[in-house]
Amino acid sequence: MNKTFLLLAALLLSCSSVFAQKSDVKKAASALSSGDLEEAYTLIEQTIDPNNEKAEKSIPWETTWDTRGDIYLEIYKTGSDLAENPLETAIESYKTAIEKNGKGGSNNTKVKLTLAISEISNKAIEAFNTDDYESAYYAFKNILTIEDLPLMQEDGAFVDTVSIFNTGLAAQNAEMYDEAIKYYERAAEYNYGEGQVYDQIATCYTNLNDTVAAIETLKKGFEKYPESNEVMVSLINMYLSTNKADEASTYLDIAIAKEPENATYRFVKGTLYDTMGEYEEAITHYEEALEIDSEYHDAYYNIGVIYYNLGVKQLDIANAVPTNDPDKYEEEKAKADIEFEKAIPYLEKAIELDANDVYSMESLRSLYLRLKMTDKYDAINEKLNAM
């Protein structure tokens, strides 16, 4: 055998090896097309196995990785258990195909990735709607991973703010609060969701027991979106829950100035003074709420409770009078009865607005008994016993 023949034989052997592996890639693609996902998976893995000598030529081939991306995407779509994390593997395979292309990726790969986004989006929505929030989070996150690829951005910068926000929302529902904050903050950079995003971030911080960060987030949101009632209400509630009455009062005044006909703000202002024991101020604001909304049940109830509790406190004063001073006792007791009498119309109105208000009924039963209002006592006692 001469030298030329030997070289030709070696070349043919080398080409045979190359074609053998490229043939396996094509077989894998064919198996995928025919629905034999397991066969497709087995074949494609052989072509990228570094321990397989024949894979030496198929590993650098763009089509190998492009096909592998197709196969793993199908594994993800069908829910097959052939491989773990198939979606991430599919995306990594497409990214490798782009690298092997050497020119930033082919239009063929771009089309596949565009179609993949649609498929993944459907999966994400389905997972979210079935309360599988963790799966939804990873799906939305992978949509962003694809969209951030230079190949997908070559026609101009594109920011999918909807998917960014949805990634945060899915993470929040999955109780992955640190991840949620990261994506919400990214959405906020693009002014998506306006005040709502800051409210969501604050909620995440609250769930992480970081009230300081929650308050700072809401203040930042309020500065940026002073018209956002959502942020303002959350900020007021946060100050109320952390016993920062002065700060809560400041933002309540802003809220009332913005919406003077909003009964809720007046009511909340009343509860603020109520918790501080400034009952006259509390009643004033509760009454303002009732002037705006004459059917505000909680305002009636809270005023009734204030008068009831004032009566109880006055009764304690009467009971502290020495037994050798009956006239003083009767005088102080009469003061208590005056407060009790004030409570009755408010609690009765509360029941009129909510027939199942057990708390008001029980308070009234006690008042009717004390004030010897027999008929009313019998009626409400019968109603309570029947509940």
Protein backbone atom coordinates (compact mmCIF):
# COMPACT_ATOMS: atom_id res chain seq x y z
CA MET A 1 0.00 0.00 0.00
CA ASN A 2 1.53 3.32 -1.03
CA LYS A 3 1.65 6.49 1.02
CA THR A 4 -1.12 8.23 -0.93
CA PHE A 5 -3.48 5.33 -0.33
CA LEU A 6 -2.65 5.30 3.39
CA LEU A 7 -3.45 9.01 3.71
CA LEU A 8 -6.71 8.54 1.81
CA ALA A 9 -7.71 5.63 4.06
CA ALA A 10 -7.00 7.66 7.18
CA LEU A 11 -9.03 10.56 5.86
CA LEU A 12 -11.98 8.31 5.03
CA LEU A 13 -11.83 6.78 8.54
CA SER A 14 -11.83 10.24 10.10
CA CYS A 15 -14.77 11.39 7.96
CA SER A 16 -16.63 8.20 8.82
CA SER A 17 -16.28 9.00 12.53
CA VAL A 18 -17.44 12.58 12.02
CA PHE A 19 -20.41 11.56 9.92
CA ALA A 20 -21.30 8.82 12.40
CA GLN A 21 -21.74 11.32 15.19
CA LYS A 22 -23.46 13.90 13.02
CA SER A 23 -25.71 11.09 11.89
CA ASP A 24 -26.63 10.43 15.53
CA VAL A 25 -27.58 14.09 15.91
CA LYS A 26 -29.86 13.76 12.88
CA LYS A 27 -31.27 10.50 14.25
CA ALA A 28 -31.98 12.25 17.54
CA ALA A 29 -33.82 15.00 15.69
CA SER A 30 -35.76 12.39 13.71
CA ALA A 31 -36.68 10.50 16.89
CA LEU A 32 -37.92 13.76 18.40
CA SER A 33 -40.06 14.44 15.32
CA SER A 34 -41.58 10.96 15.50
CA GLY A 35 -42.40 11.35 19.20
CA ASP A 36 -39.78 8.92 20.53
CA LEU A 37 -38.50 11.30 23.20
CA GLU A 38 -36.54 8.68 25.13
CA GLU A 39 -34.62 7.61 22.01
CA ALA A 40 -33.97 11.24 21.10
CA TYR A 41 -32.66 11.92 24.59
CA THR A 42 -30.36 8.87 24.58
CA LEU A 43 -28.90 9.66 21.16
CA ILE A 44 -28.25 13.34 21.77
CA GLU A 45 -26.51 12.70 25.07
CA GLN A 46 -24.09 10.36 23.33
CA THR A 47 -23.10 13.11 20.92
CA ILE A 48 -21.97 15.47 23.70
CA ASP A 49 -20.42 12.91 26.02
CA PRO A 50 -16.75 13.91 26.48
CA ASN A 51 -15.94 10.31 27.34
CA ASN A 52 -17.19 9.21 23.93
CA GLU A 53 -14.31 9.39 21.43
CA LYS A 54 -16.74 9.74 18.54
CA ALA A 55 -18.27 12.84 20.18
CA GLU A 56 -15.07 14.78 19.63
CA LYS A 57 -16.43 16.08 16.31
CA SER A 58 -20.09 16.55 17.27
CA ILE A 59 -19.44 18.54 20.44
CA PRO A 60 -18.20 21.64 18.55
CA TRP A 61 -21.10 21.42 16.04
CA GLU A 62 -23.77 24.11 16.46
CA THR A 63 -26.57 21.79 15.28
CA THR A 64 -25.79 19.31 18.06
CA TRP A 65 -26.60 21.84 20.76
CA ASP A 66 -29.50 23.31 18.84
CA THR A 67 -31.05 19.84 18.61
CA ARG A 68 -30.31 19.15 22.26
CA GLY A 69 -32.17 22.34 23.15
CA ASP A 70 -35.18 21.12 21.14
CA ILE A 71 -35.17 17.77 22.91
CA TYR A 72 -34.90 19.18 26.42
CA LEU A 73 -37.55 21.78 25.69
CA GLU A 74 -39.87 18.96 24.66
CA ILE A 75 -39.03 17.10 27.87
CA TYR A 76 -40.07 20.22 29.77
CA LYS A 77 -43.26 20.72 27.76
CA THR A 78 -44.42 17.12 28.19
CA GLY A 79 -43.50 16.90 31.88
CA SER A 80 -41.33 13.85 31.22
CA ASP A 81 -39.04 12.65 34.01
CA LEU A 82 -36.21 11.78 31.61
CA ALA A 83 -34.06 14.58 32.98
CA GLU A 84 -33.92 17.00 35.90
CA ASN A 85 -34.27 20.73 35.24
CA PRO A 86 -35.00 20.22 31.53
CA LEU A 87 -35.91 23.85 30.89
CA GLU A 88 -32.63 25.18 32.24
CA THR A 89 -30.75 22.52 30.25
CA ALA A 90 -32.64 23.47 27.09
CA ILE A 91 -31.71 27.13 27.50
CA GLU A 92 -28.07 26.29 28.23
CA SER A 93 -28.00 24.10 25.11
CA TYR A 94 -29.35 26.92 22.94
CA LYS A 95 -26.81 29.31 24.48
CA THR A 96 -24.04 26.85 23.61
CA ALA A 97 -25.39 26.63 20.05
CA ILE A 98 -25.14 30.42 19.83
CA GLU A 99 -21.52 30.26 21.04
CA LYS A 100 -20.63 27.50 18.56
CA ASN A 101 -22.16 29.56 15.74
CA GLY A 102 -19.37 32.09 16.13
CA LYS A 103 -21.46 34.94 14.71
CA GLY A 104 -23.80 35.63 17.61
CA GLY A 105 -26.21 32.83 16.78
CA SER A 106 -28.40 31.87 13.86
CA ASN A 107 -31.86 33.09 12.96
CA ASN A 108 -33.02 29.49 13.30
CA THR A 109 -32.02 29.44 16.98
CA LYS A 110 -33.66 32.84 17.51
CA VAL A 111 -36.94 31.56 16.10
CA LYS A 112 -36.79 28.51 18.36
CA LEU A 113 -36.12 30.64 21.41
CA THR A 114 -39.00 32.94 20.51
CA LEU A 115 -41.34 29.96 20.28
CA ALA A 116 -39.88 28.62 23.53
CA ILE A 117 -40.83 31.86 25.31
CA SER A 118 -44.44 31.33 24.26
CA GLU A 119 -44.44 27.74 25.51
CA ILE A 120 -42.79 28.64 28.80
CA SER A 121 -45.18 31.54 29.31
CA ASN A 122 -48.15 29.20 28.97
CA LYS A 123 -46.57 26.84 31.50
CA ALA A 124 -45.87 29.73 33.88
CA ILE A 125 -49.46 30.98 33.76
CA GLU A 126 -50.81 27.46 34.20
CA ALA A 127 -48.56 26.87 37.22
CA PHE A 128 -49.53 30.21 38.76
CA ASN A 129 -53.23 29.56 38.30
CA THR A 130 -52.91 26.17 40.02
CA ASP A 131 -51.00 27.70 42.96
CA ASP A 132 -47.72 26.04 41.92
CA TYR A 133 -45.93 29.31 42.51
CA GLU A 134 -42.40 27.92 42.67
CA SER A 135 -42.73 26.36 39.20
CA ALA A 136 -44.24 29.60 37.93
CA TYR A 137 -41.32 31.54 39.38
CA TYR A 138 -38.70 29.40 37.63
CA ALA A 139 -40.65 29.55 34.36
CA PHE A 140 -40.90 33.35 34.40
CA LYS A 141 -37.25 33.58 35.46
CA ASN A 142 -36.19 31.47 32.47
CA ILE A 143 -38.22 33.64 30.11
CA LEU A 144 -36.11 36.57 31.29
CA THR A 145 -32.92 34.52 30.85
CA ILE A 146 -33.82 33.91 27.20
CA GLU A 147 -34.86 37.50 26.56
CA ASP A 148 -31.60 38.79 28.02
CA LEU A 149 -29.51 36.85 25.46
CA PRO A 150 -27.72 39.19 23.01
CA LEU A 151 -29.26 37.22 20.13
CA MET A 152 -32.74 38.17 21.34
CA GLN A 153 -31.76 41.81 21.86
CA GLU A 154 -30.01 42.42 18.55
CA ASP A 155 -32.94 44.34 17.03
CA GLY A 156 -32.89 46.84 19.87
CA ALA A 157 -33.14 46.85 23.64
CA PHE A 158 -36.31 45.18 24.90
CA VAL A 159 -37.36 45.02 28.53
CA ASP A 160 -40.18 42.63 29.38
CA THR A 161 -41.42 44.46 32.46
CA VAL A 162 -44.52 42.26 32.69
CA SER A 163 -42.43 39.10 33.07
CA ILE A 164 -40.10 40.85 35.50
CA PHE A 165 -43.05 41.79 37.73
CA ASN A 166 -44.65 38.36 37.36
CA THR A 167 -41.38 36.69 38.38
CA GLY A 168 -41.44 38.75 41.56
CA LEU A 169 -45.11 38.02 42.16
CA ALA A 170 -44.64 34.26 41.73
CA ALA A 171 -41.61 34.34 44.06
CA GLN A 172 -43.60 36.28 46.67
CA ASN A 173 -46.44 33.78 46.55
CA ALA A 174 -43.90 30.97 46.85
CA GLU A 175 -42.58 32.74 49.99
CA MET A 176 -39.23 33.32 48.27
CA TYR A 177 -39.17 36.88 49.53
CA ASP A 178 -35.54 37.75 48.80
CA GLU A 179 -35.99 36.68 45.19
CA ALA A 180 -39.27 38.57 44.96
CA ILE A 181 -37.64 41.78 46.19
CA LYS A 182 -34.90 41.44 43.59
CA TYR A 183 -37.35 41.27 40.69
CA TYR A 184 -39.75 43.87 42.09
CA GLU A 185 -36.85 46.30 42.43
CA ARG A 186 -35.90 45.61 38.83
CA ALA A 187 -39.49 46.36 37.79
CA ALA A 188 -39.38 49.57 39.83
CA GLU A 189 -36.30 50.69 37.90
CA TYR A 190 -38.48 50.76 34.80
CA ASN A 191 -41.40 52.42 36.66
CA TYR A 192 -43.58 49.37 36.13
CA GLY A 193 -46.55 49.09 38.46
CA GLU A 194 -45.79 52.49 40.00
CA GLY A 195 -46.75 52.50 43.69
CA GLN A 196 -47.94 48.91 43.70
CA VAL A 197 -44.40 47.60 43.26
CA TYR A 198 -43.15 49.48 46.32
CA ASP A 199 -46.11 48.17 48.30
CA GLN A 200 -45.23 44.60 47.26
CA ILE A 201 -41.57 45.08 48.18
CA ALA A 202 -42.60 46.41 51.59
CA THR A 203 -44.86 43.39 52.10
CA CYS A 204 -41.91 41.09 51.37
CA TYR A 205 -39.73 42.92 53.88
CA THR A 206 -42.53 42.67 56.45
CA ASN A 207 -42.68 38.92 55.90
CA LEU A 208 -38.91 38.86 56.48
CA ASN A 209 -39.54 40.73 59.77
CA ASP A 210 -37.62 43.75 58.51
CA THR A 211 -40.04 46.58 59.31
CA VAL A 212 -37.31 49.22 58.98
CA ALA A 213 -36.69 48.26 55.34
CA ALA A 214 -40.45 48.02 54.76
CA ILE A 215 -41.04 51.57 56.02
CA GLU A 216 -38.08 52.97 54.05
CA THR A 217 -39.40 51.28 50.91
CA LEU A 218 -42.87 52.77 51.37
CA LYS A 219 -41.42 56.23 52.06
CA LYS A 220 -39.40 55.96 48.86
CA GLY A 221 -42.50 54.85 46.99
CA PHE A 222 -44.54 57.73 48.45
CA GLU A 223 -41.87 60.26 47.44
CA LYS A 224 -41.89 58.91 43.89
CA TYR A 225 -45.67 58.40 43.65
CA PRO A 226 -47.32 60.82 46.09
CA GLU A 227 -50.69 60.15 44.45
CA SER A 228 -50.55 56.42 45.22
CA ASN A 229 -53.17 55.70 47.87
CA GLU A 230 -51.92 52.12 48.01
CA VAL A 231 -48.49 53.20 49.23
CA MET A 232 -49.86 55.82 51.60
CA VAL A 233 -52.35 53.46 53.24
CA SER A 234 -49.65 50.81 53.68
CA LEU A 235 -47.32 53.39 55.18
CA ILE A 236 -50.00 54.53 57.63
CA ASN A 237 -50.74 50.93 58.61
CA MET A 238 -47.04 50.21 59.04
CA TYR A 239 -46.65 53.18 61.39
CA LEU A 240 -49.77 52.14 63.29
CA SER A 241 -48.52 48.57 63.68
CA THR A 242 -45.15 49.80 64.98
CA ASN A 243 -46.77 52.26 67.42
CA LYS A 244 -45.37 55.32 65.64
CA ALA A 245 -48.43 57.49 66.21
CA ASP A 246 -46.92 60.83 65.17
CA GLU A 247 -45.72 59.50 61.82
CA ALA A 248 -49.05 57.75 61.22
CA SER A 249 -50.92 60.96 62.03
CA THR A 250 -48.77 62.96 59.61
CA TYR A 251 -49.57 60.69 56.67
CA LEU A 252 -53.22 60.44 57.71
CA ASP A 253 -53.48 64.22 57.52
CA ILE A 254 -51.99 64.10 54.02
CA ALA A 255 -54.49 61.40 53.06
CA ILE A 256 -57.44 63.36 54.48
CA ALA A 257 -56.33 66.53 52.69
CA LYS A 258 -56.16 64.62 49.42
CA GLU A 259 -59.51 62.89 49.91
CA PRO A 260 -61.62 64.84 52.41
CA GLU A 261 -64.68 62.72 51.56
CA ASN A 262 -62.93 59.44 52.31
CA ALA A 263 -64.63 58.10 55.45
CA THR A 264 -61.99 55.42 55.97
CA TYR A 265 -59.21 57.93 56.57
CA ARG A 266 -61.34 59.70 59.18
CA PHE A 267 -62.11 56.37 60.82
CA VAL A 268 -58.41 55.39 60.92
CA LYS A 269 -57.59 58.77 62.44
CA GLY A 270 -60.17 57.96 65.10
CA THR A 271 -58.62 54.56 65.84
CA LEU A 272 -55.23 56.26 66.17
CA TYR A 273 -56.51 58.53 68.94
CA ASP A 274 -58.53 55.65 70.37
CA THR A 275 -55.39 53.53 70.87
CA MET A 276 -53.66 56.50 72.51
CA GLY A 277 -56.52 56.88 74.98
CA GLU A 278 -57.54 60.30 73.64
CA TYR A 279 -61.21 59.39 73.47
CA GLU A 280 -62.75 62.78 72.77
CA GLU A 281 -60.52 63.22 69.72
CA ALA A 282 -61.26 59.65 68.66
CA ILE A 283 -65.03 60.21 68.86
CA THR A 284 -64.68 63.46 66.89
CA HIS A 285 -63.02 61.64 63.98
CA TYR A 286 -65.41 58.69 64.16
CA GLU A 287 -68.30 61.14 63.96
CA GLU A 288 -66.65 62.80 60.94
CA ALA A 289 -66.53 59.39 59.28
CA LEU A 290 -70.26 58.94 59.99
CA GLU A 291 -71.04 62.34 58.50
CA ILE A 292 -69.52 61.09 55.26
CA ASP A 293 -70.89 57.54 55.49
CA SER A 294 -73.92 57.19 57.74
CA GLU A 295 -73.76 53.38 57.48
CA TYR A 296 -70.16 52.96 58.64
CA HIS A 297 -70.70 50.04 61.03
CA ASP A 298 -67.25 50.03 62.63
CA ALA A 299 -67.47 53.73 63.50
CA TYR A 300 -70.75 53.17 65.39
CA TYR A 301 -69.30 50.14 67.13
CA ASN A 302 -66.08 51.89 68.17
CA ILE A 303 -67.93 54.90 69.59
CA GLY A 304 -70.22 52.55 71.50
CA VAL A 305 -67.22 50.67 72.89
CA ILE A 306 -65.55 53.93 73.99
CA TYR A 307 -68.61 54.99 75.98
CA TYR A 308 -69.02 51.48 77.38
CA ASN A 309 -65.39 51.39 78.55
CA LEU A 310 -65.66 54.90 80.00
CA GLY A 311 -68.66 53.68 81.96
CA VAL A 312 -66.69 50.70 83.27
CA LYS A 313 -63.83 52.96 84.37
CA GLN A 314 -66.25 55.29 86.11
CA LEU A 315 -67.86 52.31 87.81
CA ASP A 316 -64.44 51.33 89.17
CA ILE A 317 -64.20 54.83 90.64
CA ALA A 318 -67.61 54.40 92.27
CA ASN A 319 -66.67 51.00 93.68
CA ALA A 320 -63.55 52.55 95.23
CA VAL A 321 -65.67 54.96 97.32
CA PRO A 322 -65.60 54.02 101.02
CA THR A 323 -68.67 52.13 102.18
CA ASN A 324 -69.40 54.81 104.79
CA ASP A 325 -70.06 57.39 102.04
CA PRO A 326 -73.11 56.00 100.16
CA ASP A 327 -74.09 59.38 98.73
CA LYS A 328 -70.71 59.75 97.02
CA TYR A 329 -71.01 56.21 95.71
CA GLU A 330 -74.42 56.93 94.16
CA GLU A 331 -73.07 60.12 92.63
CA GLU A 332 -70.13 58.34 90.99
CA LYS A 333 -72.30 55.40 89.92
CA ALA A 334 -74.74 57.79 88.24
CA LYS A 335 -71.84 59.17 86.19
CA ALA A 336 -71.07 55.64 85.01
CA ASP A 337 -74.70 55.09 83.98
CA ILE A 338 -74.57 58.28 81.89
CA GLU A 339 -71.66 56.84 79.88
CA PHE A 340 -73.43 53.50 79.55
CA GLU A 341 -76.55 55.24 78.25
CA LYS A 342 -74.45 57.06 75.63
CA ALA A 343 -73.15 53.73 74.36
CA ILE A 344 -76.58 52.20 73.70
CA PRO A 345 -77.70 54.06 70.53
CA TYR A 346 -74.36 53.47 68.83
CA LEU A 347 -74.33 49.76 69.60
CA GLU A 348 -77.96 49.44 68.55
CA LYS A 349 -77.14 51.10 65.24
CA ALA A 350 -74.21 48.70 64.80
CA ILE A 351 -76.60 45.75 65.14
CA GLU A 352 -79.04 47.40 62.73
CA LEU A 353 -76.24 47.49 60.14
CA ASP A 354 -74.94 44.01 60.98
CA ALA A 355 -77.51 41.60 62.39
CA ASN A 356 -74.76 39.10 63.27
CA ASP A 357 -72.66 41.52 65.32
CA VAL A 358 -72.37 39.34 68.42
CA TYR A 359 -69.96 41.70 70.19
CA SER A 360 -72.42 44.60 70.09
CA MET A 361 -75.27 42.31 71.19
CA GLU A 362 -73.35 40.99 74.18
CA SER A 363 -72.41 44.52 75.24
CA LEU A 364 -76.02 45.64 74.90
CA ARG A 365 -77.29 42.68 76.90
CA SER A 366 -75.02 43.74 79.74
CA LEU A 367 -76.13 47.37 79.47
CA TYR A 368 -79.84 46.54 79.29
CA LEU A 369 -79.49 44.39 82.40
CA ARG A 370 -77.59 47.06 84.28
CA LEU A 371 -79.98 49.86 83.34
CA LYS A 372 -83.04 47.69 84.01
CA MET A 373 -84.28 47.86 80.42
CA THR A 374 -86.15 44.58 80.83
CA ASP A 375 -87.97 44.28 77.51
CA LYS A 376 -84.86 45.00 75.49
CA TYR A 377 -82.83 42.67 77.69
CA ASP A 378 -85.27 39.77 77.14
CA ALA A 379 -85.33 40.32 73.37
CA ILE A 380 -81.58 40.42 72.88
CA ASN A 381 -80.97 37.60 75.35
CA GLU A 382 -83.38 35.40 73.37
CA LYS A 383 -81.62 36.34 70.13
CA LEU A 384 -78.18 35.55 71.51
CA ASN A 385 -79.32 32.21 72.92
CA ALA A 386 -80.69 31.29 69.51
CA MET A 387 -77.42 32.02 67.71
